Amino acid sequence: AAPVLVTELGGGEGTLGGSLALALVSAVAFAS
């Protein structure tokens, strides 16, 4: 739910903003 939400806030799946936001959240979540 959190990664999908961030993707939508970043502009949606397939957009640069959505991809970057998802990548950042996922990387930090994985480190967590």
mmCIF file of all heavy atoms, coordinates in Angstrom:
data_MODEL
# 
_entry.id   MODEL 
# 
loop_
_atom_site.group_PDB 
_atom_site.id 
_atom_site.type_symbol 
_atom_site.label_atom_id 
_atom_site.label_alt_id 
_atom_site.label_comp_id 
_atom_site.label_asym_id 
_atom_site.label_entity_id 
_atom_site.label_seq_id 
_atom_site.pdbx_PDB_ins_code 
_atom_site.Cartn_x 
_atom_site.Cartn_y 
_atom_site.Cartn_z 
_atom_site.occupancy 
_atom_site.B_iso_or_equiv 
_atom_site.pdbx_formal_charge 
_atom_site.auth_seq_id 
_atom_site.auth_comp_id 
_atom_site.auth_asym_id 
_atom_site.auth_atom_id 
_atom_site.pdbx_PDB_model_num 
ATOM 1   N N   . ALA A 1 1  ? 0.825  -1.211 0.000   1.00 0.00 ? 1  ALA A N   1 
ATOM 2   C CA  . ALA A 1 1  ? 0.000  0.000  0.000   1.00 0.00 ? 1  ALA A CA  1 
ATOM 3   C C   . ALA A 1 1  ? 0.860  1.262  0.000   1.00 0.00 ? 1  ALA A C   1 
ATOM 4   O O   . ALA A 1 1  ? 0.584  2.216  -0.736  1.00 0.00 ? 1  ALA A O   1 
ATOM 5   C CB  . ALA A 1 1  ? -0.933 -0.004 1.206   1.00 0.00 ? 1  ALA A CB  1 
ATOM 6   N N   . ALA A 1 2  ? 1.920  1.288  0.823   1.00 0.00 ? 2  ALA A N   1 
ATOM 7   C CA  . ALA A 1 2  ? 2.769  2.477  0.895   1.00 0.00 ? 2  ALA A CA  1 
ATOM 8   C C   . ALA A 1 2  ? 3.505  2.742  -0.417  1.00 0.00 ? 2  ALA A C   1 
ATOM 9   O O   . ALA A 1 2  ? 3.472  3.864  -0.930  1.00 0.00 ? 2  ALA A O   1 
ATOM 10  C CB  . ALA A 1 2  ? 3.753  2.349  2.062   1.00 0.00 ? 2  ALA A CB  1 
ATOM 11  N N   . PRO A 1 3  ? 4.188  1.754  -1.014  1.00 0.00 ? 3  PRO A N   1 
ATOM 12  C CA  . PRO A 1 3  ? 4.856  2.016  -2.292  1.00 0.00 ? 3  PRO A CA  1 
ATOM 13  C C   . PRO A 1 3  ? 3.897  2.430  -3.417  1.00 0.00 ? 3  PRO A C   1 
ATOM 14  O O   . PRO A 1 3  ? 4.220  3.319  -4.209  1.00 0.00 ? 3  PRO A O   1 
ATOM 15  C CB  . PRO A 1 3  ? 5.525  0.668  -2.624  1.00 0.00 ? 3  PRO A CB  1 
ATOM 16  C CG  . PRO A 1 3  ? 5.716  0.003  -1.318  1.00 0.00 ? 3  PRO A CG  1 
ATOM 17  C CD  . PRO A 1 3  ? 4.536  0.406  -0.497  1.00 0.00 ? 3  PRO A CD  1 
ATOM 18  N N   . VAL A 1 4  ? 2.729  1.792  -3.476  1.00 0.00 ? 4  VAL A N   1 
ATOM 19  C CA  . VAL A 1 4  ? 1.772  2.154  -4.522  1.00 0.00 ? 4  VAL A CA  1 
ATOM 20  C C   . VAL A 1 4  ? 1.264  3.574  -4.311  1.00 0.00 ? 4  VAL A C   1 
ATOM 21  O O   . VAL A 1 4  ? 1.105  4.348  -5.268  1.00 0.00 ? 4  VAL A O   1 
ATOM 22  C CB  . VAL A 1 4  ? 0.592  1.149  -4.548  1.00 0.00 ? 4  VAL A CB  1 
ATOM 23  C CG1 . VAL A 1 4  ? -0.487 1.607  -5.533  1.00 0.00 ? 4  VAL A CG1 1 
ATOM 24  C CG2 . VAL A 1 4  ? 1.086  -0.238 -4.930  1.00 0.00 ? 4  VAL A CG2 1 
ATOM 25  N N   . LEU A 1 5  ? 1.010  3.951  -3.068  1.00 0.00 ? 5  LEU A N   1 
ATOM 26  C CA  . LEU A 1 5  ? 0.570  5.320  -2.759  1.00 0.00 ? 5  LEU A CA  1 
ATOM 27  C C   . LEU A 1 5  ? 1.609  6.333  -3.203  1.00 0.00 ? 5  LEU A C   1 
ATOM 28  O O   . LEU A 1 5  ? 1.279  7.351  -3.826  1.00 0.00 ? 5  LEU A O   1 
ATOM 29  C CB  . LEU A 1 5  ? 0.324  5.451  -1.253  1.00 0.00 ? 5  LEU A CB  1 
ATOM 30  C CG  . LEU A 1 5  ? 0.070  6.873  -0.737  1.00 0.00 ? 5  LEU A CG  1 
ATOM 31  C CD1 . LEU A 1 5  ? -1.214 7.448  -1.328  1.00 0.00 ? 5  LEU A CD1 1 
ATOM 32  C CD2 . LEU A 1 5  ? 0.011  6.882  0.799   1.00 0.00 ? 5  LEU A CD2 1 
ATOM 33  N N   . VAL A 1 6  ? 2.867  6.066  -2.900  1.00 0.00 ? 6  VAL A N   1 
ATOM 34  C CA  . VAL A 1 6  ? 3.943  6.992  -3.265  1.00 0.00 ? 6  VAL A CA  1 
ATOM 35  C C   . VAL A 1 6  ? 4.054  7.116  -4.779  1.00 0.00 ? 6  VAL A C   1 
ATOM 36  O O   . VAL A 1 6  ? 4.294  8.215  -5.315  1.00 0.00 ? 6  VAL A O   1 
ATOM 37  C CB  . VAL A 1 6  ? 5.277  6.521  -2.658  1.00 0.00 ? 6  VAL A CB  1 
ATOM 38  C CG1 . VAL A 1 6  ? 6.442  7.326  -3.209  1.00 0.00 ? 6  VAL A CG1 1 
ATOM 39  C CG2 . VAL A 1 6  ? 5.240  6.629  -1.146  1.00 0.00 ? 6  VAL A CG2 1 
ATOM 40  N N   . THR A 1 7  ? 3.870  6.021  -5.478  1.00 0.00 ? 7  THR A N   1 
ATOM 41  C CA  . THR A 1 7  ? 3.903  6.068  -6.945  1.00 0.00 ? 7  THR A CA  1 
ATOM 42  C C   . THR A 1 7  ? 2.825  6.985  -7.486  1.00 0.00 ? 7  THR A C   1 
ATOM 43  O O   . THR A 1 7  ? 3.064  7.797  -8.395  1.00 0.00 ? 7  THR A O   1 
ATOM 44  C CB  . THR A 1 7  ? 3.716  4.650  -7.526  1.00 0.00 ? 7  THR A CB  1 
ATOM 45  O OG1 . THR A 1 7  ? 4.740  3.796  -7.018  1.00 0.00 ? 7  THR A OG1 1 
ATOM 46  C CG2 . THR A 1 7  ? 3.813  4.675  -9.049  1.00 0.00 ? 7  THR A CG2 1 
ATOM 47  N N   . GLU A 1 8  ? 1.627  6.886  -6.913  1.00 0.00 ? 8  GLU A N   1 
ATOM 48  C CA  . GLU A 1 8  ? 0.523  7.742  -7.359  1.00 0.00 ? 8  GLU A CA  1 
ATOM 49  C C   . GLU A 1 8  ? 0.799  9.210  -7.035  1.00 0.00 ? 8  GLU A C   1 
ATOM 50  O O   . GLU A 1 8  ? 0.515  10.103 -7.838  1.00 0.00 ? 8  GLU A O   1 
ATOM 51  C CB  . GLU A 1 8  ? -0.779 7.299  -6.696  1.00 0.00 ? 8  GLU A CB  1 
ATOM 52  C CG  . GLU A 1 8  ? -1.276 5.942  -7.148  1.00 0.00 ? 8  GLU A CG  1 
ATOM 53  C CD  . GLU A 1 8  ? -1.595 5.918  -8.636  1.00 0.00 ? 8  GLU A CD  1 
ATOM 54  O OE1 . GLU A 1 8  ? -2.170 6.901  -9.133  1.00 0.00 ? 8  GLU A OE1 1 
ATOM 55  O OE2 . GLU A 1 8  ? -1.246 4.922  -9.294  1.00 0.00 ? 8  GLU A OE2 1 
ATOM 56  N N   . LEU A 1 9  ? 1.353  9.471  -5.867  1.00 0.00 ? 9  LEU A N   1 
ATOM 57  C CA  . LEU A 1 9  ? 1.664  10.852 -5.493  1.00 0.00 ? 9  LEU A CA  1 
ATOM 58  C C   . LEU A 1 9  ? 2.747  11.436 -6.388  1.00 0.00 ? 9  LEU A C   1 
ATOM 59  O O   . LEU A 1 9  ? 2.788  12.650 -6.633  1.00 0.00 ? 9  LEU A O   1 
ATOM 60  C CB  . LEU A 1 9  ? 2.121  10.911 -4.033  1.00 0.00 ? 9  LEU A CB  1 
ATOM 61  C CG  . LEU A 1 9  ? 1.079  10.559 -2.963  1.00 0.00 ? 9  LEU A CG  1 
ATOM 62  C CD1 . LEU A 1 9  ? 1.712  10.571 -1.575  1.00 0.00 ? 9  LEU A CD1 1 
ATOM 63  C CD2 . LEU A 1 9  ? -0.099 11.529 -3.019  1.00 0.00 ? 9  LEU A CD2 1 
ATOM 64  N N   . GLY A 1 10 ? 3.639  10.575 -6.893  1.00 0.00 ? 10 GLY A N   1 
ATOM 65  C CA  . GLY A 1 10 ? 4.724  11.044 -7.753  1.00 0.00 ? 10 GLY A CA  1 
ATOM 66  C C   . GLY A 1 10 ? 4.330  11.261 -9.200  1.00 0.00 ? 10 GLY A C   1 
ATOM 67  O O   . GLY A 1 10 ? 5.148  11.717 -10.003 1.00 0.00 ? 10 GLY A O   1 
ATOM 68  N N   . GLY A 1 11 ? 3.107  10.938 -9.537  1.00 0.00 ? 11 GLY A N   1 
ATOM 69  C CA  . GLY A 1 11 ? 2.650  11.152 -10.909 1.00 0.00 ? 11 GLY A CA  1 
ATOM 70  C C   . GLY A 1 11 ? 2.090  9.917  -11.574 1.00 0.00 ? 11 GLY A C   1 
ATOM 71  O O   . GLY A 1 11 ? 1.621  9.967  -12.708 1.00 0.00 ? 11 GLY A O   1 
ATOM 72  N N   . GLY A 1 12 ? 2.148  8.786  -10.866 1.00 0.00 ? 12 GLY A N   1 
ATOM 73  C CA  . GLY A 1 12 ? 1.586  7.562  -11.421 1.00 0.00 ? 12 GLY A CA  1 
ATOM 74  C C   . GLY A 1 12 ? 2.651  6.651  -11.995 1.00 0.00 ? 12 GLY A C   1 
ATOM 75  O O   . GLY A 1 12 ? 3.789  7.048  -12.270 1.00 0.00 ? 12 GLY A O   1 
ATOM 76  N N   . GLU A 1 13 ? 2.279  5.395  -12.175 1.00 0.00 ? 13 GLU A N   1 
ATOM 77  C CA  . GLU A 1 13 ? 3.199  4.394  -12.700 1.00 0.00 ? 13 GLU A CA  1 
ATOM 78  C C   . GLU A 1 13 ? 3.583  4.722  -14.134 1.00 0.00 ? 13 GLU A C   1 
ATOM 79  O O   . GLU A 1 13 ? 2.751  5.108  -14.953 1.00 0.00 ? 13 GLU A O   1 
ATOM 80  C CB  . GLU A 1 13 ? 2.535  3.013  -12.643 1.00 0.00 ? 13 GLU A CB  1 
ATOM 81  C CG  . GLU A 1 13 ? 3.482  1.871  -12.919 1.00 0.00 ? 13 GLU A CG  1 
ATOM 82  C CD  . GLU A 1 13 ? 2.835  0.516  -12.664 1.00 0.00 ? 13 GLU A CD  1 
ATOM 83  O OE1 . GLU A 1 13 ? 1.728  0.483  -12.086 1.00 0.00 ? 13 GLU A OE1 1 
ATOM 84  O OE2 . GLU A 1 13 ? 3.433  -0.502 -13.041 1.00 0.00 ? 13 GLU A OE2 1 
ATOM 85  N N   . GLY A 1 14 ? 4.869  4.604  -14.416 1.00 0.00 ? 14 GLY A N   1 
ATOM 86  C CA  . GLY A 1 14 ? 5.346  4.872  -15.769 1.00 0.00 ? 14 GLY A CA  1 
ATOM 87  C C   . GLY A 1 14 ? 5.912  6.265  -15.948 1.00 0.00 ? 14 GLY A C   1 
ATOM 88  O O   . GLY A 1 14 ? 6.601  6.530  -16.934 1.00 0.00 ? 14 GLY A O   1 
ATOM 89  N N   . THR A 1 15 ? 5.653  7.170  -14.983 1.00 0.00 ? 15 THR A N   1 
ATOM 90  C CA  . THR A 1 15 ? 6.206  8.517  -15.057 1.00 0.00 ? 15 THR A CA  1 
ATOM 91  C C   . THR A 1 15 ? 7.544  8.568  -14.328 1.00 0.00 ? 15 THR A C   1 
ATOM 92  O O   . THR A 1 15 ? 7.827  7.736  -13.461 1.00 0.00 ? 15 THR A O   1 
ATOM 93  C CB  . THR A 1 15 ? 5.262  9.548  -14.432 1.00 0.00 ? 15 THR A CB  1 
ATOM 94  O OG1 . THR A 1 15 ? 5.164  9.298  -13.019 1.00 0.00 ? 15 THR A OG1 1 
ATOM 95  C CG2 . THR A 1 15 ? 3.867  9.447  -15.062 1.00 0.00 ? 15 THR A CG2 1 
ATOM 96  N N   . LEU A 1 16 ? 8.361  9.565  -14.669 1.00 0.00 ? 16 LEU A N   1 
ATOM 97  C CA  . LEU A 1 16 ? 9.668  9.703  -14.031 1.00 0.00 ? 16 LEU A CA  1 
ATOM 98  C C   . LEU A 1 16 ? 9.514  9.977  -12.537 1.00 0.00 ? 16 LEU A C   1 
ATOM 99  O O   . LEU A 1 16 ? 10.204 9.381  -11.704 1.00 0.00 ? 16 LEU A O   1 
ATOM 100 C CB  . LEU A 1 16 ? 10.461 10.831 -14.692 1.00 0.00 ? 16 LEU A CB  1 
ATOM 101 C CG  . LEU A 1 16 ? 11.841 11.122 -14.073 1.00 0.00 ? 16 LEU A CG  1 
ATOM 102 C CD1 . LEU A 1 16 ? 12.727 9.882  -14.159 1.00 0.00 ? 16 LEU A CD1 1 
ATOM 103 C CD2 . LEU A 1 16 ? 12.498 12.307 -14.759 1.00 0.00 ? 16 LEU A CD2 1 
ATOM 104 N N   . GLY A 1 17 ? 8.566  10.884 -12.205 1.00 0.00 ? 17 GLY A N   1 
ATOM 105 C CA  . GLY A 1 17 ? 8.351  11.207 -10.800 1.00 0.00 ? 17 GLY A CA  1 
ATOM 106 C C   . GLY A 1 17 ? 7.873  10.012 -10.010 1.00 0.00 ? 17 GLY A C   1 
ATOM 107 O O   . GLY A 1 17 ? 8.341  9.750  -8.897  1.00 0.00 ? 17 GLY A O   1 
ATOM 108 N N   . GLY A 1 18 ? 6.941  9.244  -10.583 1.00 0.00 ? 18 GLY A N   1 
ATOM 109 C CA  . GLY A 1 18 ? 6.432  8.064  -9.905  1.00 0.00 ? 18 GLY A CA  1 
ATOM 110 C C   . GLY A 1 18 ? 7.497  7.007  -9.720  1.00 0.00 ? 18 GLY A C   1 
ATOM 111 O O   . GLY A 1 18 ? 7.612  6.390  -8.653  1.00 0.00 ? 18 GLY A O   1 
ATOM 112 N N   . SER A 1 19 ? 8.310  6.803  -10.758 1.00 0.00 ? 19 SER A N   1 
ATOM 113 C CA  . SER A 1 19 ? 9.370  5.798  -10.679 1.00 0.00 ? 19 SER A CA  1 
ATOM 114 C C   . SER A 1 19 ? 10.436 6.185  -9.656  1.00 0.00 ? 19 SER A C   1 
ATOM 115 O O   . SER A 1 19 ? 10.917 5.342  -8.886  1.00 0.00 ? 19 SER A O   1 
ATOM 116 C CB  . SER A 1 19 ? 10.019 5.610  -12.050 1.00 0.00 ? 19 SER A CB  1 
ATOM 117 O OG  . SER A 1 19 ? 9.082  5.131  -12.989 1.00 0.00 ? 19 SER A OG  1 
ATOM 118 N N   . LEU A 1 20 ? 10.813 7.467  -9.638  1.00 0.00 ? 20 LEU A N   1 
ATOM 119 C CA  . LEU A 1 20 ? 11.826 7.930  -8.700  1.00 0.00 ? 20 LEU A CA  1 
ATOM 120 C C   . LEU A 1 20 ? 11.325 7.837  -7.263  1.00 0.00 ? 20 LEU A C   1 
ATOM 121 O O   . LEU A 1 20 ? 12.050 7.377  -6.369  1.00 0.00 ? 20 LEU A O   1 
ATOM 122 C CB  . LEU A 1 20 ? 12.226 9.368  -9.025  1.00 0.00 ? 20 LEU A CB  1 
ATOM 123 C CG  . LEU A 1 20 ? 13.307 9.989  -8.124  1.00 0.00 ? 20 LEU A CG  1 
ATOM 124 C CD1 . LEU A 1 20 ? 14.591 9.181  -8.212  1.00 0.00 ? 20 LEU A CD1 1 
ATOM 125 C CD2 . LEU A 1 20 ? 13.560 11.450 -8.524  1.00 0.00 ? 20 LEU A CD2 1 
ATOM 126 N N   . ALA A 1 21 ? 10.083 8.262  -7.033  1.00 0.00 ? 21 ALA A N   1 
ATOM 127 C CA  . ALA A 1 21 ? 9.506  8.205  -5.688  1.00 0.00 ? 21 ALA A CA  1 
ATOM 128 C C   . ALA A 1 21 ? 9.429  6.763  -5.207  1.00 0.00 ? 21 ALA A C   1 
ATOM 129 O O   . ALA A 1 21 ? 9.779  6.440  -4.063  1.00 0.00 ? 21 ALA A O   1 
ATOM 130 C CB  . ALA A 1 21 ? 8.121  8.844  -5.678  1.00 0.00 ? 21 ALA A CB  1 
ATOM 131 N N   . LEU A 1 22 ? 8.986  5.877  -6.082  1.00 0.00 ? 22 LEU A N   1 
ATOM 132 C CA  . LEU A 1 22 ? 8.884  4.463  -5.722  1.00 0.00 ? 22 LEU A CA  1 
ATOM 133 C C   . LEU A 1 22 ? 10.252 3.870  -5.409  1.00 0.00 ? 22 LEU A C   1 
ATOM 134 O O   . LEU A 1 22 ? 10.416 3.114  -4.444  1.00 0.00 ? 22 LEU A O   1 
ATOM 135 C CB  . LEU A 1 22 ? 8.226  3.684  -6.869  1.00 0.00 ? 22 LEU A CB  1 
ATOM 136 C CG  . LEU A 1 22 ? 8.154  2.160  -6.694  1.00 0.00 ? 22 LEU A CG  1 
ATOM 137 C CD1 . LEU A 1 22 ? 7.298  1.810  -5.491  1.00 0.00 ? 22 LEU A CD1 1 
ATOM 138 C CD2 . LEU A 1 22 ? 7.596  1.514  -7.958  1.00 0.00 ? 22 LEU A CD2 1 
ATOM 139 N N   . ALA A 1 23 ? 11.242 4.219  -6.213  1.00 0.00 ? 23 ALA A N   1 
ATOM 140 C CA  . ALA A 1 23 ? 12.587 3.690  -6.006  1.00 0.00 ? 23 ALA A CA  1 
ATOM 141 C C   . ALA A 1 23 ? 13.157 4.139  -4.661  1.00 0.00 ? 23 ALA A C   1 
ATOM 142 O O   . ALA A 1 23 ? 13.764 3.348  -3.931  1.00 0.00 ? 23 ALA A O   1 
ATOM 143 C CB  . ALA A 1 23 ? 13.501 4.132  -7.144  1.00 0.00 ? 23 ALA A CB  1 
ATOM 144 N N   . LEU A 1 24 ? 12.958 5.414  -4.316  1.00 0.00 ? 24 LEU A N   1 
ATOM 145 C CA  . LEU A 1 24 ? 13.467 5.931  -3.053  1.00 0.00 ? 24 LEU A CA  1 
ATOM 146 C C   . LEU A 1 24 ? 12.801 5.247  -1.863  1.00 0.00 ? 24 LEU A C   1 
ATOM 147 O O   . LEU A 1 24 ? 13.475 4.802  -0.926  1.00 0.00 ? 24 LEU A O   1 
ATOM 148 C CB  . LEU A 1 24 ? 13.238 7.449  -2.979  1.00 0.00 ? 24 LEU A CB  1 
ATOM 149 C CG  . LEU A 1 24 ? 14.161 8.312  -3.831  1.00 0.00 ? 24 LEU A CG  1 
ATOM 150 C CD1 . LEU A 1 24 ? 13.670 9.757  -3.844  1.00 0.00 ? 24 LEU A CD1 1 
ATOM 151 C CD2 . LEU A 1 24 ? 15.592 8.250  -3.314  1.00 0.00 ? 24 LEU A CD2 1 
ATOM 152 N N   . VAL A 1 25 ? 11.477 5.159  -1.907  1.00 0.00 ? 25 VAL A N   1 
ATOM 153 C CA  . VAL A 1 25 ? 10.746 4.540  -0.803  1.00 0.00 ? 25 VAL A CA  1 
ATOM 154 C C   . VAL A 1 25 ? 11.132 3.078  -0.662  1.00 0.00 ? 25 VAL A C   1 
ATOM 155 O O   . VAL A 1 25 ? 11.353 2.575  0.439   1.00 0.00 ? 25 VAL A O   1 
ATOM 156 C CB  . VAL A 1 25 ? 9.225  4.686  -1.016  1.00 0.00 ? 25 VAL A CB  1 
ATOM 157 C CG1 . VAL A 1 25 ? 8.456  3.802  -0.035  1.00 0.00 ? 25 VAL A CG1 1 
ATOM 158 C CG2 . VAL A 1 25 ? 8.815  6.129  -0.840  1.00 0.00 ? 25 VAL A CG2 1 
ATOM 159 N N   . SER A 1 26 ? 11.217 2.394  -1.776  1.00 0.00 ? 26 SER A N   1 
ATOM 160 C CA  . SER A 1 26 ? 11.530 0.966  -1.737  1.00 0.00 ? 26 SER A CA  1 
ATOM 161 C C   . SER A 1 26 ? 12.938 0.713  -1.214  1.00 0.00 ? 26 SER A C   1 
ATOM 162 O O   . SER A 1 26 ? 13.165 -0.228 -0.441  1.00 0.00 ? 26 SER A O   1 
ATOM 163 C CB  . SER A 1 26 ? 11.367 0.362  -3.135  1.00 0.00 ? 26 SER A CB  1 
ATOM 164 O OG  . SER A 1 26 ? 10.055 0.548  -3.611  1.00 0.00 ? 26 SER A OG  1 
ATOM 165 N N   . ALA A 1 27 ? 13.884 1.548  -1.630  1.00 0.00 ? 27 ALA A N   1 
ATOM 166 C CA  . ALA A 1 27 ? 15.259 1.374  -1.177  1.00 0.00 ? 27 ALA A CA  1 
ATOM 167 C C   . ALA A 1 27 ? 15.377 1.589  0.326   1.00 0.00 ? 27 ALA A C   1 
ATOM 168 O O   . ALA A 1 27 ? 16.021 0.798  1.033   1.00 0.00 ? 27 ALA A O   1 
ATOM 169 C CB  . ALA A 1 27 ? 16.176 2.344  -1.927  1.00 0.00 ? 27 ALA A CB  1 
ATOM 170 N N   . VAL A 1 28 ? 14.741 2.647  0.822   1.00 0.00 ? 28 VAL A N   1 
ATOM 171 C CA  . VAL A 1 28 ? 14.808 2.927  2.255   1.00 0.00 ? 28 VAL A CA  1 
ATOM 172 C C   . VAL A 1 28 ? 14.054 1.867  3.044   1.00 0.00 ? 28 VAL A C   1 
ATOM 173 O O   . VAL A 1 28 ? 14.493 1.426  4.111   1.00 0.00 ? 28 VAL A O   1 
ATOM 174 C CB  . VAL A 1 28 ? 14.246 4.337  2.544   1.00 0.00 ? 28 VAL A CB  1 
ATOM 175 C CG1 . VAL A 1 28 ? 14.198 4.578  4.047   1.00 0.00 ? 28 VAL A CG1 1 
ATOM 176 C CG2 . VAL A 1 28 ? 15.098 5.391  1.865   1.00 0.00 ? 28 VAL A CG2 1 
ATOM 177 N N   . ALA A 1 29 ? 12.899 1.433  2.523   1.00 0.00 ? 29 ALA A N   1 
ATOM 178 C CA  . ALA A 1 29 ? 12.138 0.382  3.197   1.00 0.00 ? 29 ALA A CA  1 
ATOM 179 C C   . ALA A 1 29 ? 12.928 -0.918 3.259   1.00 0.00 ? 29 ALA A C   1 
ATOM 180 O O   . ALA A 1 29 ? 12.928 -1.627 4.270   1.00 0.00 ? 29 ALA A O   1 
ATOM 181 C CB  . ALA A 1 29 ? 10.803 0.158  2.486   1.00 0.00 ? 29 ALA A CB  1 
ATOM 182 N N   . PHE A 1 30 ? 13.632 -1.224 2.172   1.00 0.00 ? 30 PHE A N   1 
ATOM 183 C CA  . PHE A 1 30 ? 14.438 -2.449 2.159   1.00 0.00 ? 30 PHE A CA  1 
ATOM 184 C C   . PHE A 1 30 ? 15.577 -2.352 3.165   1.00 0.00 ? 30 PHE A C   1 
ATOM 185 O O   . PHE A 1 30 ? 15.864 -3.314 3.888   1.00 0.00 ? 30 PHE A O   1 
ATOM 186 C CB  . PHE A 1 30 ? 14.991 -2.698 0.757   1.00 0.00 ? 30 PHE A CB  1 
ATOM 187 C CG  . PHE A 1 30 ? 15.727 -3.998 0.620   1.00 0.00 ? 30 PHE A CG  1 
ATOM 188 C CD1 . PHE A 1 30 ? 15.030 -5.191 0.523   1.00 0.00 ? 30 PHE A CD1 1 
ATOM 189 C CD2 . PHE A 1 30 ? 17.107 -4.040 0.594   1.00 0.00 ? 30 PHE A CD2 1 
ATOM 190 C CE1 . PHE A 1 30 ? 15.702 -6.408 0.412   1.00 0.00 ? 30 PHE A CE1 1 
ATOM 191 C CE2 . PHE A 1 30 ? 17.788 -5.237 0.484   1.00 0.00 ? 30 PHE A CE2 1 
ATOM 192 C CZ  . PHE A 1 30 ? 17.077 -6.424 0.383   1.00 0.00 ? 30 PHE A CZ  1 
ATOM 193 N N   . ALA A 1 31 ? 16.221 -1.181 3.214   1.00 0.00 ? 31 ALA A N   1 
ATOM 194 C CA  . ALA A 1 31 ? 17.282 -0.989 4.209   1.00 0.00 ? 31 ALA A CA  1 
ATOM 195 C C   . ALA A 1 31 ? 16.716 -1.111 5.623   1.00 0.00 ? 31 ALA A C   1 
ATOM 196 O O   . ALA A 1 31 ? 17.369 -1.654 6.524   1.00 0.00 ? 31 ALA A O   1 
ATOM 197 C CB  . ALA A 1 31 ? 17.929 0.380  4.013   1.00 0.00 ? 31 ALA A CB  1 
ATOM 198 N N   . SER A 1 32 ? 15.497 -0.614 5.820   1.00 0.00 ? 32 SER A N   1 
ATOM 199 C CA  . SER A 1 32 ? 14.838 -0.718 7.112   1.00 0.00 ? 32 SER A CA  1 
ATOM 200 C C   . SER A 1 32 ? 14.625 -2.170 7.501   1.00 0.00 ? 32 SER A C   1 
ATOM 201 O O   . SER A 1 32 ? 14.869 -2.586 8.639   1.00 0.00 ? 32 SER A O   1 
ATOM 202 C CB  . SER A 1 32 ? 13.485 0.011  7.070   1.00 0.00 ? 32 SER A CB  1 
ATOM 203 O OG  . SER A 1 32 ? 12.732 -0.236 8.227   1.00 0.00 ? 32 SER A OG  1 
# 
